[in-house]
Amino acid sequence: ELAPGPIANEQAAIDEDIRARAETFFH
């Protein structure tokens, strides 16, 4: 598993990963 990774087994870890990698793609 590339992202969020095998250590992200809890919702808080998944939420943190999303916040860290999320970007906008608006024009």
mmCIF file of all heavy atoms, coordinates in Angstrom:
data_MODEL
# 
_entry.id   MODEL 
# 
loop_
_atom_site.group_PDB 
_atom_site.id 
_atom_site.type_symbol 
_atom_site.label_atom_id 
_atom_site.label_alt_id 
_atom_site.label_comp_id 
_atom_site.label_asym_id 
_atom_site.label_entity_id 
_atom_site.label_seq_id 
_atom_site.pdbx_PDB_ins_code 
_atom_site.Cartn_x 
_atom_site.Cartn_y 
_atom_site.Cartn_z 
_atom_site.occupancy 
_atom_site.B_iso_or_equiv 
_atom_site.pdbx_formal_charge 
_atom_site.auth_seq_id 
_atom_site.auth_comp_id 
_atom_site.auth_asym_id 
_atom_site.auth_atom_id 
_atom_site.pdbx_PDB_model_num 
ATOM 1   N N   . GLU A 1 1  ? 0.855   -1.181 0.000   1.00 0.00 ? 1  GLU A N   1 
ATOM 2   C CA  . GLU A 1 1  ? 0.000   0.000  0.000   1.00 0.00 ? 1  GLU A CA  1 
ATOM 3   C C   . GLU A 1 1  ? 0.896   1.238  0.000   1.00 0.00 ? 1  GLU A C   1 
ATOM 4   O O   . GLU A 1 1  ? 1.778   1.376  0.837   1.00 0.00 ? 1  GLU A O   1 
ATOM 5   C CB  . GLU A 1 1  ? -0.893  0.001  1.243   1.00 0.00 ? 1  GLU A CB  1 
ATOM 6   C CG  . GLU A 1 1  ? -1.831  1.175  1.279   1.00 0.00 ? 1  GLU A CG  1 
ATOM 7   C CD  . GLU A 1 1  ? -2.760  1.134  2.480   1.00 0.00 ? 1  GLU A CD  1 
ATOM 8   O OE1 . GLU A 1 1  ? -2.969  0.038  3.046   1.00 0.00 ? 1  GLU A OE1 1 
ATOM 9   O OE2 . GLU A 1 1  ? -3.262  2.190  2.845   1.00 0.00 ? 1  GLU A OE2 1 
ATOM 10  N N   . LEU A 1 2  ? 0.676   2.121  -0.964  1.00 0.00 ? 2  LEU A N   1 
ATOM 11  C CA  . LEU A 1 2  ? 1.508   3.310  -1.075  1.00 0.00 ? 2  LEU A CA  1 
ATOM 12  C C   . LEU A 1 2  ? 1.014   4.446  -0.188  1.00 0.00 ? 2  LEU A C   1 
ATOM 13  O O   . LEU A 1 2  ? 1.801   5.154  0.417   1.00 0.00 ? 2  LEU A O   1 
ATOM 14  C CB  . LEU A 1 2  ? 1.558   3.774  -2.528  1.00 0.00 ? 2  LEU A CB  1 
ATOM 15  C CG  . LEU A 1 2  ? 2.152   2.775  -3.527  1.00 0.00 ? 2  LEU A CG  1 
ATOM 16  C CD1 . LEU A 1 2  ? 2.087   3.341  -4.930  1.00 0.00 ? 2  LEU A CD1 1 
ATOM 17  C CD2 . LEU A 1 2  ? 3.575   2.420  -3.147  1.00 0.00 ? 2  LEU A CD2 1 
ATOM 18  N N   . ALA A 1 3  ? -0.288  4.653  -0.155  1.00 0.00 ? 3  ALA A N   1 
ATOM 19  C CA  . ALA A 1 3  ? -0.834  5.762  0.632   1.00 0.00 ? 3  ALA A CA  1 
ATOM 20  C C   . ALA A 1 3  ? -2.207  5.378  1.140   1.00 0.00 ? 3  ALA A C   1 
ATOM 21  O O   . ALA A 1 3  ? -2.970  4.768  0.412   1.00 0.00 ? 3  ALA A O   1 
ATOM 22  C CB  . ALA A 1 3  ? -0.925  7.015  -0.232  1.00 0.00 ? 3  ALA A CB  1 
ATOM 23  N N   . PRO A 1 4  ? -2.534  5.659  2.321   1.00 0.00 ? 4  PRO A N   1 
ATOM 24  C CA  . PRO A 1 4  ? -1.733  6.385  3.306   1.00 0.00 ? 4  PRO A CA  1 
ATOM 25  C C   . PRO A 1 4  ? -0.671  5.523  3.970   1.00 0.00 ? 4  PRO A C   1 
ATOM 26  O O   . PRO A 1 4  ? 0.111   6.015  4.771   1.00 0.00 ? 4  PRO A O   1 
ATOM 27  C CB  . PRO A 1 4  ? -2.753  6.861  4.323   1.00 0.00 ? 4  PRO A CB  1 
ATOM 28  C CG  . PRO A 1 4  ? -3.867  5.879  4.245   1.00 0.00 ? 4  PRO A CG  1 
ATOM 29  C CD  . PRO A 1 4  ? -3.888  5.403  2.827   1.00 0.00 ? 4  PRO A CD  1 
ATOM 30  N N   . GLY A 1 5  ? -0.593  4.276  3.645   1.00 0.00 ? 5  GLY A N   1 
ATOM 31  C CA  . GLY A 1 5  ? 0.439   3.407  4.206   1.00 0.00 ? 5  GLY A CA  1 
ATOM 32  C C   . GLY A 1 5  ? -0.136  2.421  5.202   1.00 0.00 ? 5  GLY A C   1 
ATOM 33  O O   . GLY A 1 5  ? -1.236  2.602  5.707   1.00 0.00 ? 5  GLY A O   1 
ATOM 34  N N   . PRO A 1 6  ? 0.606   1.375  5.488   1.00 0.00 ? 6  PRO A N   1 
ATOM 35  C CA  . PRO A 1 6  ? 0.097   0.323  6.369   1.00 0.00 ? 6  PRO A CA  1 
ATOM 36  C C   . PRO A 1 6  ? -0.107  0.771  7.811   1.00 0.00 ? 6  PRO A C   1 
ATOM 37  O O   . PRO A 1 6  ? -0.846  0.137  8.545   1.00 0.00 ? 6  PRO A O   1 
ATOM 38  C CB  . PRO A 1 6  ? 1.166   -0.764 6.284   1.00 0.00 ? 6  PRO A CB  1 
ATOM 39  C CG  . PRO A 1 6  ? 2.400   -0.067 5.823   1.00 0.00 ? 6  PRO A CG  1 
ATOM 40  C CD  . PRO A 1 6  ? 1.938   1.082  4.969   1.00 0.00 ? 6  PRO A CD  1 
ATOM 41  N N   . ILE A 1 7  ? 0.527   1.878  8.214   1.00 0.00 ? 7  ILE A N   1 
ATOM 42  C CA  . ILE A 1 7  ? 0.364   2.331  9.600   1.00 0.00 ? 7  ILE A CA  1 
ATOM 43  C C   . ILE A 1 7  ? -0.934  3.095  9.819   1.00 0.00 ? 7  ILE A C   1 
ATOM 44  O O   . ILE A 1 7  ? -1.324  3.339  10.946  1.00 0.00 ? 7  ILE A O   1 
ATOM 45  C CB  . ILE A 1 7  ? 1.560   3.192  10.060  1.00 0.00 ? 7  ILE A CB  1 
ATOM 46  C CG1 . ILE A 1 7  ? 1.683   4.442  9.195   1.00 0.00 ? 7  ILE A CG1 1 
ATOM 47  C CG2 . ILE A 1 7  ? 2.842   2.382  10.067  1.00 0.00 ? 7  ILE A CG2 1 
ATOM 48  C CD1 . ILE A 1 7  ? 2.642   5.466  9.739   1.00 0.00 ? 7  ILE A CD1 1 
ATOM 49  N N   . ALA A 1 8  ? -1.591  3.481  8.721   1.00 0.00 ? 8  ALA A N   1 
ATOM 50  C CA  . ALA A 1 8  ? -2.821  4.268  8.838   1.00 0.00 ? 8  ALA A CA  1 
ATOM 51  C C   . ALA A 1 8  ? -4.026  3.343  8.987   1.00 0.00 ? 8  ALA A C   1 
ATOM 52  O O   . ALA A 1 8  ? -4.777  3.128  8.056   1.00 0.00 ? 8  ALA A O   1 
ATOM 53  C CB  . ALA A 1 8  ? -2.981  5.185  7.633   1.00 0.00 ? 8  ALA A CB  1 
ATOM 54  N N   . ASN A 1 9  ? -4.181  2.780  10.154  1.00 0.00 ? 9  ASN A N   1 
ATOM 55  C CA  . ASN A 1 9  ? -5.294  1.878  10.413  1.00 0.00 ? 9  ASN A CA  1 
ATOM 56  C C   . ASN A 1 9  ? -6.441  2.564  11.140  1.00 0.00 ? 9  ASN A C   1 
ATOM 57  O O   . ASN A 1 9  ? -7.494  1.983  11.304  1.00 0.00 ? 9  ASN A O   1 
ATOM 58  C CB  . ASN A 1 9  ? -4.830  0.664  11.218  1.00 0.00 ? 9  ASN A CB  1 
ATOM 59  C CG  . ASN A 1 9  ? -3.886  -0.197 10.399  1.00 0.00 ? 9  ASN A CG  1 
ATOM 60  O OD1 . ASN A 1 9  ? -4.052  -0.323 9.187   1.00 0.00 ? 9  ASN A OD1 1 
ATOM 61  N ND2 . ASN A 1 9  ? -2.894  -0.760 11.042  1.00 0.00 ? 9  ASN A ND2 1 
ATOM 62  N N   . GLU A 1 10 ? -6.225  3.788  11.575  1.00 0.00 ? 10 GLU A N   1 
ATOM 63  C CA  . GLU A 1 10 ? -7.257  4.510  12.297  1.00 0.00 ? 10 GLU A CA  1 
ATOM 64  C C   . GLU A 1 10 ? -7.726  5.692  11.469  1.00 0.00 ? 10 GLU A C   1 
ATOM 65  O O   . GLU A 1 10 ? -6.958  6.260  10.680  1.00 0.00 ? 10 GLU A O   1 
ATOM 66  C CB  . GLU A 1 10 ? -6.708  5.010  13.639  1.00 0.00 ? 10 GLU A CB  1 
ATOM 67  C CG  . GLU A 1 10 ? -6.318  3.872  14.567  1.00 0.00 ? 10 GLU A CG  1 
ATOM 68  C CD  . GLU A 1 10 ? -5.789  4.385  15.893  1.00 0.00 ? 10 GLU A CD  1 
ATOM 69  O OE1 . GLU A 1 10 ? -5.907  5.599  16.155  1.00 0.00 ? 10 GLU A OE1 1 
ATOM 70  O OE2 . GLU A 1 10 ? -5.255  3.572  16.656  1.00 0.00 ? 10 GLU A OE2 1 
ATOM 71  N N   . GLN A 1 11 ? -8.958  6.080  11.657  1.00 0.00 ? 11 GLN A N   1 
ATOM 72  C CA  . GLN A 1 11 ? -9.527  7.182  10.892  1.00 0.00 ? 11 GLN A CA  1 
ATOM 73  C C   . GLN A 1 11 ? -8.719  8.462  11.057  1.00 0.00 ? 11 GLN A C   1 
ATOM 74  O O   . GLN A 1 11 ? -8.525  9.215  10.106  1.00 0.00 ? 11 GLN A O   1 
ATOM 75  C CB  . GLN A 1 11 ? -10.988 7.425  11.300  1.00 0.00 ? 11 GLN A CB  1 
ATOM 76  C CG  . GLN A 1 11 ? -11.713 8.417  10.403  1.00 0.00 ? 11 GLN A CG  1 
ATOM 77  C CD  . GLN A 1 11 ? -11.799 7.953  8.957   1.00 0.00 ? 11 GLN A CD  1 
ATOM 78  O OE1 . GLN A 1 11 ? -12.116 6.800  8.677   1.00 0.00 ? 11 GLN A OE1 1 
ATOM 79  N NE2 . GLN A 1 11 ? -11.496 8.843  8.026   1.00 0.00 ? 11 GLN A NE2 1 
ATOM 80  N N   . ALA A 1 12 ? -8.199  8.728  12.251  1.00 0.00 ? 12 ALA A N   1 
ATOM 81  C CA  . ALA A 1 12 ? -7.407  9.946  12.488  1.00 0.00 ? 12 ALA A CA  1 
ATOM 82  C C   . ALA A 1 12 ? -6.164  9.975  11.597  1.00 0.00 ? 12 ALA A C   1 
ATOM 83  O O   . ALA A 1 12 ? -5.808  11.016 11.041  1.00 0.00 ? 12 ALA A O   1 
ATOM 84  C CB  . ALA A 1 12 ? -7.020  10.049 13.952  1.00 0.00 ? 12 ALA A CB  1 
ATOM 85  N N   . ALA A 1 13 ? -5.507  8.834  11.425  1.00 0.00 ? 13 ALA A N   1 
ATOM 86  C CA  . ALA A 1 13 ? -4.318  8.758  10.579  1.00 0.00 ? 13 ALA A CA  1 
ATOM 87  C C   . ALA A 1 13 ? -4.689  8.968  9.111   1.00 0.00 ? 13 ALA A C   1 
ATOM 88  O O   . ALA A 1 13 ? -3.963  9.627  8.362   1.00 0.00 ? 13 ALA A O   1 
ATOM 89  C CB  . ALA A 1 13 ? -3.612  7.424  10.767  1.00 0.00 ? 13 ALA A CB  1 
ATOM 90  N N   . ILE A 1 14 ? -5.802  8.422  8.709   1.00 0.00 ? 14 ILE A N   1 
ATOM 91  C CA  . ILE A 1 14 ? -6.272  8.602  7.334   1.00 0.00 ? 14 ILE A CA  1 
ATOM 92  C C   . ILE A 1 14 ? -6.623  10.066 7.097   1.00 0.00 ? 14 ILE A C   1 
ATOM 93  O O   . ILE A 1 14 ? -6.240  10.659 6.079   1.00 0.00 ? 14 ILE A O   1 
ATOM 94  C CB  . ILE A 1 14 ? -7.468  7.676  7.042   1.00 0.00 ? 14 ILE A CB  1 
ATOM 95  C CG1 . ILE A 1 14 ? -7.000  6.219  7.081   1.00 0.00 ? 14 ILE A CG1 1 
ATOM 96  C CG2 . ILE A 1 14 ? -8.105  8.009  5.691   1.00 0.00 ? 14 ILE A CG2 1 
ATOM 97  C CD1 . ILE A 1 14 ? -8.120  5.209  7.067   1.00 0.00 ? 14 ILE A CD1 1 
ATOM 98  N N   . ASP A 1 15 ? -7.323  10.685 8.043   1.00 0.00 ? 15 ASP A N   1 
ATOM 99  C CA  . ASP A 1 15 ? -7.671  12.112 7.926   1.00 0.00 ? 15 ASP A CA  1 
ATOM 100 C C   . ASP A 1 15 ? -6.411  12.968 7.830   1.00 0.00 ? 15 ASP A C   1 
ATOM 101 O O   . ASP A 1 15 ? -6.344  13.906 7.038   1.00 0.00 ? 15 ASP A O   1 
ATOM 102 C CB  . ASP A 1 15 ? -8.517  12.557 9.113   1.00 0.00 ? 15 ASP A CB  1 
ATOM 103 C CG  . ASP A 1 15 ? -9.913  11.946 9.114   1.00 0.00 ? 15 ASP A CG  1 
ATOM 104 O OD1 . ASP A 1 15 ? -10.313 11.352 8.088   1.00 0.00 ? 15 ASP A OD1 1 
ATOM 105 O OD2 . ASP A 1 15 ? -10.596 12.068 10.157  1.00 0.00 ? 15 ASP A OD2 1 
ATOM 106 N N   . GLU A 1 16 ? -5.412  12.656 8.644   1.00 0.00 ? 16 GLU A N   1 
ATOM 107 C CA  . GLU A 1 16 ? -4.157  13.416 8.632   1.00 0.00 ? 16 GLU A CA  1 
ATOM 108 C C   . GLU A 1 16 ? -3.468  13.291 7.278   1.00 0.00 ? 16 GLU A C   1 
ATOM 109 O O   . GLU A 1 16 ? -2.957  14.269 6.733   1.00 0.00 ? 16 GLU A O   1 
ATOM 110 C CB  . GLU A 1 16 ? -3.243  12.909 9.741   1.00 0.00 ? 16 GLU A CB  1 
ATOM 111 C CG  . GLU A 1 16 ? -1.936  13.673 9.840   1.00 0.00 ? 16 GLU A CG  1 
ATOM 112 C CD  . GLU A 1 16 ? -1.062  13.151 10.967  1.00 0.00 ? 16 GLU A CD  1 
ATOM 113 O OE1 . GLU A 1 16 ? -1.595  12.668 11.983  1.00 0.00 ? 16 GLU A OE1 1 
ATOM 114 O OE2 . GLU A 1 16 ? 0.171   13.232 10.806  1.00 0.00 ? 16 GLU A OE2 1 
ATOM 115 N N   . ASP A 1 17 ? -3.468  12.098 6.701   1.00 0.00 ? 17 ASP A N   1 
ATOM 116 C CA  . ASP A 1 17 ? -2.859  11.885 5.394   1.00 0.00 ? 17 ASP A CA  1 
ATOM 117 C C   . ASP A 1 17 ? -3.583  12.689 4.321   1.00 0.00 ? 17 ASP A C   1 
ATOM 118 O O   . ASP A 1 17 ? -2.948  13.312 3.473   1.00 0.00 ? 17 ASP A O   1 
ATOM 119 C CB  . ASP A 1 17 ? -2.873  10.397 5.032   1.00 0.00 ? 17 ASP A CB  1 
ATOM 120 C CG  . ASP A 1 17 ? -2.245  10.157 3.680   1.00 0.00 ? 17 ASP A CG  1 
ATOM 121 O OD1 . ASP A 1 17 ? -1.018  10.361 3.557   1.00 0.00 ? 17 ASP A OD1 1 
ATOM 122 O OD2 . ASP A 1 17 ? -2.986  9.802  2.743   1.00 0.00 ? 17 ASP A OD2 1 
ATOM 123 N N   . ILE A 1 18 ? -4.884  12.699 4.362   1.00 0.00 ? 18 ILE A N   1 
ATOM 124 C CA  . ILE A 1 18 ? -5.664  13.457 3.376   1.00 0.00 ? 18 ILE A CA  1 
ATOM 125 C C   . ILE A 1 18 ? -5.336  14.941 3.491   1.00 0.00 ? 18 ILE A C   1 
ATOM 126 O O   . ILE A 1 18 ? -5.108  15.621 2.486   1.00 0.00 ? 18 ILE A O   1 
ATOM 127 C CB  . ILE A 1 18 ? -7.169  13.202 3.557   1.00 0.00 ? 18 ILE A CB  1 
ATOM 128 C CG1 . ILE A 1 18 ? -7.501  11.767 3.143   1.00 0.00 ? 18 ILE A CG1 1 
ATOM 129 C CG2 . ILE A 1 18 ? -7.998  14.204 2.761   1.00 0.00 ? 18 ILE A CG2 1 
ATOM 130 C CD1 . ILE A 1 18 ? -8.889  11.320 3.512   1.00 0.00 ? 18 ILE A CD1 1 
ATOM 131 N N   . ARG A 1 19 ? -5.312  15.460 4.705   1.00 0.00 ? 19 ARG A N   1 
ATOM 132 C CA  . ARG A 1 19 ? -5.003  16.884 4.898   1.00 0.00 ? 19 ARG A CA  1 
ATOM 133 C C   . ARG A 1 19 ? -3.582  17.223 4.417   1.00 0.00 ? 19 ARG A C   1 
ATOM 134 O O   . ARG A 1 19 ? -3.334  18.306 3.891   1.00 0.00 ? 19 ARG A O   1 
ATOM 135 C CB  . ARG A 1 19 ? -5.172  17.262 6.362   1.00 0.00 ? 19 ARG A CB  1 
ATOM 136 C CG  . ARG A 1 19 ? -6.608  17.380 6.765   1.00 0.00 ? 19 ARG A CG  1 
ATOM 137 C CD  . ARG A 1 19 ? -6.766  17.928 8.186   1.00 0.00 ? 19 ARG A CD  1 
ATOM 138 N NE  . ARG A 1 19 ? -8.161  17.899 8.569   1.00 0.00 ? 19 ARG A NE  1 
ATOM 139 C CZ  . ARG A 1 19 ? -8.746  16.915 9.237   1.00 0.00 ? 19 ARG A CZ  1 
ATOM 140 N NH1 . ARG A 1 19 ? -8.048  15.864 9.627   1.00 0.00 ? 19 ARG A NH1 1 
ATOM 141 N NH2 . ARG A 1 19 ? -10.024 16.951 9.523   1.00 0.00 ? 19 ARG A NH2 1 
ATOM 142 N N   . ALA A 1 20 ? -2.657  16.320 4.605   1.00 0.00 ? 20 ALA A N   1 
ATOM 143 C CA  . ALA A 1 20 ? -1.267  16.572 4.218   1.00 0.00 ? 20 ALA A CA  1 
ATOM 144 C C   . ALA A 1 20 ? -1.060  16.542 2.703   1.00 0.00 ? 20 ALA A C   1 
ATOM 145 O O   . ALA A 1 20 ? -0.216  17.261 2.173   1.00 0.00 ? 20 ALA A O   1 
ATOM 146 C CB  . ALA A 1 20 ? -0.352  15.542 4.881   1.00 0.00 ? 20 ALA A CB  1 
ATOM 147 N N   . ARG A 1 21 ? -1.852  15.731 1.981   1.00 0.00 ? 21 ARG A N   1 
ATOM 148 C CA  . ARG A 1 21 ? -1.612  15.558 0.550   1.00 0.00 ? 21 ARG A CA  1 
ATOM 149 C C   . ARG A 1 21 ? -2.660  16.164 -0.353  1.00 0.00 ? 21 ARG A C   1 
ATOM 150 O O   . ARG A 1 21 ? -2.490  16.199 -1.574  1.00 0.00 ? 21 ARG A O   1 
ATOM 151 C CB  . ARG A 1 21 ? -1.467  14.068 0.230   1.00 0.00 ? 21 ARG A CB  1 
ATOM 152 C CG  . ARG A 1 21 ? -0.246  13.449 0.877   1.00 0.00 ? 21 ARG A CG  1 
ATOM 153 C CD  . ARG A 1 21 ? 0.004   11.997 0.489   1.00 0.00 ? 21 ARG A CD  1 
ATOM 154 N NE  . ARG A 1 21 ? -1.133  11.123 0.656   1.00 0.00 ? 21 ARG A NE  1 
ATOM 155 C CZ  . ARG A 1 21 ? -1.795  10.537 -0.361  1.00 0.00 ? 21 ARG A CZ  1 
ATOM 156 N NH1 . ARG A 1 21 ? -1.408  10.716 -1.580  1.00 0.00 ? 21 ARG A NH1 1 
ATOM 157 N NH2 . ARG A 1 21 ? -2.818  9.767  -0.119  1.00 0.00 ? 21 ARG A NH2 1 
ATOM 158 N N   . ALA A 1 22 ? -3.747  16.662 0.206   1.00 0.00 ? 22 ALA A N   1 
ATOM 159 C CA  . ALA A 1 22 ? -4.827  17.187 -0.624  1.00 0.00 ? 22 ALA A CA  1 
ATOM 160 C C   . ALA A 1 22 ? -4.405  18.486 -1.311  1.00 0.00 ? 22 ALA A C   1 
ATOM 161 O O   . ALA A 1 22 ? -3.719  19.315 -0.732  1.00 0.00 ? 22 ALA A O   1 
ATOM 162 C CB  . ALA A 1 22 ? -6.076  17.428 0.220   1.00 0.00 ? 22 ALA A CB  1 
ATOM 163 N N   . GLU A 1 23 ? -4.789  18.636 -2.560  1.00 0.00 ? 23 GLU A N   1 
ATOM 164 C CA  . GLU A 1 23 ? -4.516  19.833 -3.344  1.00 0.00 ? 23 GLU A CA  1 
ATOM 165 C C   . GLU A 1 23 ? -5.765  20.195 -4.127  1.00 0.00 ? 23 GLU A C   1 
ATOM 166 O O   . GLU A 1 23 ? -6.622  19.362 -4.360  1.00 0.00 ? 23 GLU A O   1 
ATOM 167 C CB  . GLU A 1 23 ? -3.387  19.580 -4.338  1.00 0.00 ? 23 GLU A CB  1 
ATOM 168 C CG  . GLU A 1 23 ? -2.059  19.252 -3.708  1.00 0.00 ? 23 GLU A CG  1 
ATOM 169 C CD  . GLU A 1 23 ? -0.987  19.018 -4.752  1.00 0.00 ? 23 GLU A CD  1 
ATOM 170 O OE1 . GLU A 1 23 ? -1.051  19.639 -5.823  1.00 0.00 ? 23 GLU A OE1 1 
ATOM 171 O OE2 . GLU A 1 23 ? -0.092  18.204 -4.492  1.00 0.00 ? 23 GLU A OE2 1 
ATOM 172 N N   . THR A 1 24 ? -5.829  21.436 -4.559  1.00 0.00 ? 24 THR A N   1 
ATOM 173 C CA  . THR A 1 24 ? -6.928  21.839 -5.422  1.00 0.00 ? 24 THR A CA  1 
ATOM 174 C C   . THR A 1 24 ? -6.459  21.755 -6.870  1.00 0.00 ? 24 THR A C   1 
ATOM 175 O O   . THR A 1 24 ? -5.278  21.905 -7.158  1.00 0.00 ? 24 THR A O   1 
ATOM 176 C CB  . THR A 1 24 ? -7.395  23.270 -5.122  1.00 0.00 ? 24 THR A CB  1 
ATOM 177 O OG1 . THR A 1 24 ? -6.290  24.156 -5.337  1.00 0.00 ? 24 THR A OG1 1 
ATOM 178 C CG2 . THR A 1 24 ? -7.892  23.398 -3.704  1.00 0.00 ? 24 THR A CG2 1 
ATOM 179 N N   . PHE A 1 25 ? -7.365  21.516 -7.749  1.00 0.00 ? 25 PHE A N   1 
ATOM 180 C CA  . PHE A 1 25 ? -7.066  21.454 -9.174  1.00 0.00 ? 25 PHE A CA  1 
ATOM 181 C C   . PHE A 1 25 ? -8.013  22.351 -9.948  1.00 0.00 ? 25 PHE A C   1 
ATOM 182 O O   . PHE A 1 25 ? -8.435  22.035 -11.041 1.00 0.00 ? 25 PHE A O   1 
ATOM 183 C CB  . PHE A 1 25 ? -7.163  20.001 -9.680  1.00 0.00 ? 25 PHE A CB  1 
ATOM 184 C CG  . PHE A 1 25 ? -6.056  19.154 -9.157  1.00 0.00 ? 25 PHE A CG  1 
ATOM 185 C CD1 . PHE A 1 25 ? -6.235  18.368 -8.033  1.00 0.00 ? 25 PHE A CD1 1 
ATOM 186 C CD2 . PHE A 1 25 ? -4.821  19.161 -9.767  1.00 0.00 ? 25 PHE A CD2 1 
ATOM 187 C CE1 . PHE A 1 25 ? -5.215  17.588 -7.537  1.00 0.00 ? 25 PHE A CE1 1 
ATOM 188 C CE2 . PHE A 1 25 ? -3.782  18.381 -9.272  1.00 0.00 ? 25 PHE A CE2 1 
ATOM 189 C CZ  . PHE A 1 25 ? -3.984  17.598 -8.161  1.00 0.00 ? 25 PHE A CZ  1 
ATOM 190 N N   . PHE A 1 26 ? -8.352  23.484 -9.348  1.00 0.00 ? 26 PHE A N   1 
ATOM 191 C CA  . PHE A 1 26 ? -9.231  24.414 -10.028 1.00 0.00 ? 26 PHE A CA  1 
ATOM 192 C C   . PHE A 1 26 ? -8.429  25.192 -11.066 1.00 0.00 ? 26 PHE A C   1 
ATOM 193 O O   . PHE A 1 26 ? -7.212  25.229 -11.042 1.00 0.00 ? 26 PHE A O   1 
ATOM 194 C CB  . PHE A 1 26 ? -9.910  25.355 -9.034  1.00 0.00 ? 26 PHE A CB  1 
ATOM 195 C CG  . PHE A 1 26 ? -8.959  26.244 -8.271  1.00 0.00 ? 26 PHE A CG  1 
ATOM 196 C CD1 . PHE A 1 26 ? -8.654  27.503 -8.745  1.00 0.00 ? 26 PHE A CD1 1 
ATOM 197 C CD2 . PHE A 1 26 ? -8.373  25.814 -7.098  1.00 0.00 ? 26 PHE A CD2 1 
ATOM 198 C CE1 . PHE A 1 26 ? -7.779  28.324 -8.066  1.00 0.00 ? 26 PHE A CE1 1 
ATOM 199 C CE2 . PHE A 1 26 ? -7.493  26.628 -6.403  1.00 0.00 ? 26 PHE A CE2 1 
ATOM 200 C CZ  . PHE A 1 26 ? -7.188  27.884 -6.894  1.00 0.00 ? 26 PHE A CZ  1 
ATOM 201 N N   . HIS A 1 27 ? -9.125  25.812 -11.979 1.00 0.00 ? 27 HIS A N   1 
ATOM 202 C CA  . HIS A 1 27 ? -8.499  26.616 -13.016 1.00 0.00 ? 27 HIS A CA  1 
ATOM 203 C C   . HIS A 1 27 ? -8.732  28.081 -12.687 1.00 0.00 ? 27 HIS A C   1 
ATOM 204 O O   . HIS A 1 27 ? -9.845  28.577 -12.865 1.00 0.00 ? 27 HIS A O   1 
ATOM 205 C CB  . HIS A 1 27 ? -9.110  26.286 -14.380 1.00 0.00 ? 27 HIS A CB  1 
ATOM 206 C CG  . HIS A 1 27 ? -8.977  24.854 -14.761 1.00 0.00 ? 27 HIS A CG  1 
ATOM 207 N ND1 . HIS A 1 27 ? -7.774  24.317 -15.146 1.00 0.00 ? 27 HIS A ND1 1 
ATOM 208 C CD2 . HIS A 1 27 ? -9.864  23.849 -14.813 1.00 0.00 ? 27 HIS A CD2 1 
ATOM 209 C CE1 . HIS A 1 27 ? -7.942  23.036 -15.421 1.00 0.00 ? 27 HIS A CE1 1 
ATOM 210 N NE2 . HIS A 1 27 ? -9.193  22.723 -15.216 1.00 0.00 ? 27 HIS A NE2 1 
# 
